């Protein structure tokens, strides 16, 4: 009888401990999920801002030609070739940097999305089978 009582006591305490352990794990997973979602939101906002900066650079790279491309007056001298070339190369460099950063942000967002899906799957499994 004593052994049966000890066995029942151990079983009940094990179940209570498992429930507490499951609740702690669920809490930890929900915190991780929240952190991943915040990082994802940050990556998305950075992506949008960088995309807009890149769009502006591309738009400025090809300005429409006026009737007088060098100024409003026929007597305005043309710009220095080296200066125009330097400005164009800098603009192309910035566009390339923005493109690379957009690619990096996109990859980061997708990795975070995978993480988020895994965490959600773990949460669902714990909620469906809490005592395993």
C-alpha atoms as a PDB file:
ATOM      1  CA  UNK A   1       0.000   0.000   0.000  1.00  0.00           C
ATOM      2  CA  UNK A   2       2.839   2.360   0.850  1.00  0.00           C
ATOM      3  CA  UNK A   3       4.507   1.683  -2.495  1.00  0.00           C
ATOM      4  CA  UNK A   4       1.278   2.355  -4.342  1.00  0.00           C
ATOM      5  CA  UNK A   5       0.859   5.622  -2.471  1.00  0.00           C
ATOM      6  CA  UNK A   6       4.447   6.673  -3.295  1.00  0.00           C
ATOM      7  CA  UNK A   7       3.924   5.706  -6.913  1.00  0.00           C
ATOM      8  CA  UNK A   8       0.751   7.787  -7.157  1.00  0.00           C
ATOM      9  CA  UNK A   9       2.434  10.698  -5.410  1.00  0.00           C
ATOM     10  CA  UNK A  10       5.389  10.551  -7.830  1.00  0.00           C
ATOM     11  CA  UNK A  11       3.086  10.301 -10.815  1.00  0.00           C
ATOM     12  CA  UNK A  12       1.022  13.291  -9.697  1.00  0.00           C
ATOM     13  CA  UNK A  13       4.090  15.382  -8.854  1.00  0.00           C
ATOM     14  CA  UNK A  14       5.619  14.420 -12.204  1.00  0.00           C
ATOM     15  CA  UNK A  15       2.483  15.569 -14.013  1.00  0.00           C
ATOM     16  CA  UNK A  16       2.457  18.849 -12.079  1.00  0.00           C
ATOM     17  CA  UNK A  17       6.152  19.353 -12.827  1.00  0.00           C
ATOM     18  CA  UNK A  18       5.551  18.528 -16.509  1.00  0.00           C
ATOM     19  CA  UNK A  19       2.696  21.054 -16.623  1.00  0.00           C
ATOM     20  CA  UNK A  20       4.893  23.723 -15.006  1.00  0.00           C
ATOM     21  CA  UNK A  21       7.727  22.837 -17.393  1.00  0.00           C
ATOM     22  CA  UNK A  22       5.348  23.006 -20.366  1.00  0.00           C
ATOM     23  CA  UNK A  23       3.965  26.357 -19.222  1.00  0.00           C
ATOM     24  CA  UNK A  24       7.494  27.727 -18.830  1.00  0.00           C
ATOM     25  CA  UNK A  25       8.460  26.435 -22.279  1.00  0.00           C
ATOM     26  CA  UNK A  26       5.302  27.945 -23.796  1.00  0.00           C
ATOM     27  CA  UNK A  27       6.079  31.271 -22.165  1.00  0.00           C
ATOM     28  CA  UNK A  28       9.645  31.139 -23.482  1.00  0.00           C
ATOM     29  CA  UNK A  29       8.453  30.276 -27.000  1.00  0.00           C
ATOM     30  CA  UNK A  30       5.899  33.094 -26.976  1.00  0.00           C
ATOM     31  CA  UNK A  31       8.614  35.539 -25.931  1.00  0.00           C
ATOM     32  CA  UNK A  32      10.862  34.267 -28.739  1.00  0.00           C
ATOM     33  CA  UNK A  33       7.972  34.610 -31.183  1.00  0.00           C
ATOM     34  CA  UNK A  34       7.391  38.192 -30.120  1.00  0.00           C
ATOM     35  CA  UNK A  35      11.094  39.005 -30.556  1.00  0.00           C
ATOM     36  CA  UNK A  36      11.192  37.409 -34.002  1.00  0.00           C
ATOM     37  CA  UNK A  37       8.080  39.325 -35.067  1.00  0.00           C
ATOM     38  CA  UNK A  38       9.626  42.605 -33.896  1.00  0.00           C
ATOM     39  CA  UNK A  39      12.830  41.855 -35.823  1.00  0.00           C
ATOM     40  CA  UNK A  40      10.743  40.980 -38.855  1.00  0.00           C
ATOM     41  CA  UNK A  41       8.868  44.278 -38.604  1.00  0.00           C
ATOM     42  CA  UNK A  42      12.148  46.155 -38.319  1.00  0.00           C
ATOM     43  CA  UNK A  43      13.584  44.371 -41.362  1.00  0.00           C
ATOM     44  CA  UNK A  44      10.440  45.146 -43.345  1.00  0.00           C
ATOM     45  CA  UNK A  45      10.553  48.842 -42.424  1.00  0.00           C
ATOM     46  CA  UNK A  46      14.252  49.019 -43.324  1.00  0.00           C
ATOM     47  CA  UNK A  47      13.438  47.329 -46.628  1.00  0.00           C
ATOM     48  CA  UNK A  48      10.734  49.888 -47.415  1.00  0.00           C
ATOM     49  CA  UNK A  49      12.969  52.867 -46.555  1.00  0.00           C
ATOM     50  CA  UNK A  50      15.904  51.502 -48.541  1.00  0.00           C
ATOM     51  CA  UNK A  51      13.641  50.735 -51.491  1.00  0.00           C
ATOM     52  CA  UNK A  52      12.434  54.333 -51.499  1.00  0.00           C
ATOM     53  CA  UNK A  53      15.995  55.683 -51.305  1.00  0.00           C
ATOM     54  CA  UNK A  54      17.004  53.443 -54.207  1.00  0.00           C
ATOM     55  CA  UNK A  55      13.960  54.518 -56.231  1.00  0.00           C
ATOM     56  CA  UNK A  56      14.879  58.181 -55.719  1.00  0.00           C
ATOM     57  CA  UNK A  57      18.482  57.541 -56.786  1.00  0.00           C
ATOM     58  CA  UNK A  58      17.373  55.698 -59.916  1.00  0.00           C
ATOM     59  CA  UNK A  59      14.892  58.447 -60.721  1.00  0.00           C
ATOM     60  CA  UNK A  60      17.592  61.126 -60.351  1.00  0.00           C
ATOM     61  CA  UNK A  61      20.011  59.110 -62.459  1.00  0.00           C
ATOM     62  CA  UNK A  62      17.952  59.720 -65.556  1.00  0.00           C
ATOM     63  CA  UNK A  63      16.575  63.257 -65.411  1.00  0.00           C
ATOM     64  CA  UNK A  64      14.453  64.365 -68.364  1.00  0.00           C
ATOM     65  CA  UNK A  65      16.356  66.430 -70.918  1.00  0.00           C
ATOM     66  CA  UNK A  66      15.261  70.043 -71.157  1.00  0.00           C
ATOM     67  CA  UNK A  67      15.425  72.071 -74.322  1.00  0.00           C
ATOM     68  CA  UNK A  68      18.642  73.537 -72.933  1.00  0.00           C
ATOM     69  CA  UNK A  69      20.262  70.655 -71.028  1.00  0.00           C
ATOM     70  CA  UNK A  70      22.956  72.764 -69.348  1.00  0.00           C
ATOM     71  CA  UNK A  71      20.810  75.571 -68.043  1.00  0.00           C
ATOM     72  CA  UNK A  72      18.072  77.994 -68.910  1.00  0.00           C
ATOM     73  CA  UNK A  73      20.357  80.171 -70.977  1.00  0.00           C
ATOM     74  CA  UNK A  74      22.139  79.420 -74.236  1.00  0.00           C
ATOM     75  CA  UNK A  75      25.268  81.029 -72.810  1.00  0.00           C
ATOM     76  CA  UNK A  76      25.518  78.716 -69.802  1.00  0.00           C
ATOM     77  CA  UNK A  77      28.689  76.668 -70.154  1.00  0.00           C
ATOM     78  CA  UNK A  78      28.412  72.864 -70.073  1.00  0.00           C
ATOM     79  CA  UNK A  79      29.320  71.165 -66.787  1.00  0.00           C
ATOM     80  CA  UNK A  80      32.796  69.774 -66.233  1.00  0.00           C
ATOM     81  CA  UNK A  81      32.939  66.275 -67.730  1.00  0.00           C
ATOM     82  CA  UNK A  82      35.005  64.842 -64.867  1.00  0.00           C
ATOM     83  CA  UNK A  83      32.587  66.241 -62.288  1.00  0.00           C
ATOM     84  CA  UNK A  84      29.561  64.825 -64.121  1.00  0.00           C
ATOM     85  CA  UNK A  85      31.282  61.450 -64.428  1.00  0.00           C
ATOM     86  CA  UNK A  86      32.226  61.442 -60.725  1.00  0.00           C
ATOM     87  CA  UNK A  87      28.652  62.281 -59.697  1.00  0.00           C
ATOM     88  CA  UNK A  88      27.259  59.568 -61.982  1.00  0.00           C
ATOM     89  CA  UNK A  89      29.687  56.953 -60.624  1.00  0.00           C
ATOM     90  CA  UNK A  90      28.821  57.874 -57.034  1.00  0.00           C
ATOM     91  CA  UNK A  91      25.119  57.594 -57.816  1.00  0.00           C
ATOM     92  CA  UNK A  92      25.627  54.186 -59.465  1.00  0.00           C
ATOM     93  CA  UNK A  93      27.654  53.053 -56.446  1.00  0.00           C
ATOM     94  CA  UNK A  94      24.851  54.118 -54.076  1.00  0.00           C
ATOM     95  CA  UNK A  95      22.262  52.320 -56.213  1.00  0.00           C
ATOM     96  CA  UNK A  96      24.394  49.179 -56.135  1.00  0.00           C
ATOM     97  CA  UNK A  97      24.812  49.460 -52.340  1.00  0.00           C
ATOM     98  CA  UNK A  98      21.058  49.909 -51.879  1.00  0.00           C
ATOM     99  CA  UNK A  99      20.405  46.885 -54.095  1.00  0.00           C
ATOM    100  CA  UNK A 100      22.830  44.742 -52.076  1.00  0.00           C
ATOM    101  CA  UNK A 101      21.285  45.923 -48.800  1.00  0.00           C
ATOM    102  CA  UNK A 102      17.787  45.157 -50.106  1.00  0.00           C
ATOM    103  CA  UNK A 103      18.930  41.643 -50.954  1.00  0.00           C
ATOM    104  CA  UNK A 104      20.396  41.212 -47.467  1.00  0.00           C
ATOM    105  CA  UNK A 105      17.209  42.511 -45.824  1.00  0.00           C
ATOM    106  CA  UNK A 106      15.074  40.227 -47.946  1.00  0.00           C
ATOM    107  CA  UNK A 107      17.149  37.184 -46.960  1.00  0.00           C
ATOM    108  CA  UNK A 108      16.988  38.226 -43.297  1.00  0.00           C
ATOM    109  CA  UNK A 109      13.213  38.625 -43.478  1.00  0.00           C
ATOM    110  CA  UNK A 110      12.834  35.157 -45.024  1.00  0.00           C
ATOM    111  CA  UNK A 111      15.077  33.573 -42.363  1.00  0.00           C
ATOM    112  CA  UNK A 112      13.016  35.257 -39.653  1.00  0.00           C
ATOM    113  CA  UNK A 113       9.832  34.015 -41.312  1.00  0.00           C
ATOM    114  CA  UNK A 114      11.172  30.447 -41.176  1.00  0.00           C
ATOM    115  CA  UNK A 115      12.072  30.929 -37.511  1.00  0.00           C
ATOM    116  CA  UNK A 116       8.611  32.311 -36.809  1.00  0.00           C
ATOM    117  CA  UNK A 117       6.939  29.320 -38.470  1.00  0.00           C
ATOM    118  CA  UNK A 118       9.083  26.879 -36.475  1.00  0.00           C
ATOM    119  CA  UNK A 119       8.256  28.608 -33.199  1.00  0.00           C
ATOM    120  CA  UNK A 120       4.552  28.637 -34.015  1.00  0.00           C
ATOM    121  CA  UNK A 121       4.738  24.930 -34.831  1.00  0.00           C
ATOM    122  CA  UNK A 122       6.453  24.213 -31.491  1.00  0.00           C
ATOM    123  CA  UNK A 123       3.809  26.252 -29.643  1.00  0.00           C
ATOM    124  CA  UNK A 124       1.006  24.333 -31.365  1.00  0.00           C
ATOM    125  CA  UNK A 125       2.633  21.008 -30.534  1.00  0.00           C
ATOM    126  CA  UNK A 126       3.007  21.961 -26.870  1.00  0.00           C
ATOM    127  CA  UNK A 127      -0.570  23.197 -26.684  1.00  0.00           C
ATOM    128  CA  UNK A 128      -1.904  20.018 -28.300  1.00  0.00           C
ATOM    129  CA  UNK A 129       0.293  17.574 -26.344  1.00  0.00           C
ATOM    130  CA  UNK A 130       1.264  19.366 -23.127  1.00  0.00           C
ATOM    131  CA  UNK A 131       2.182  16.264 -21.069  1.00  0.00           C
ATOM    132  CA  UNK A 132       4.606  14.630 -23.497  1.00  0.00           C
END
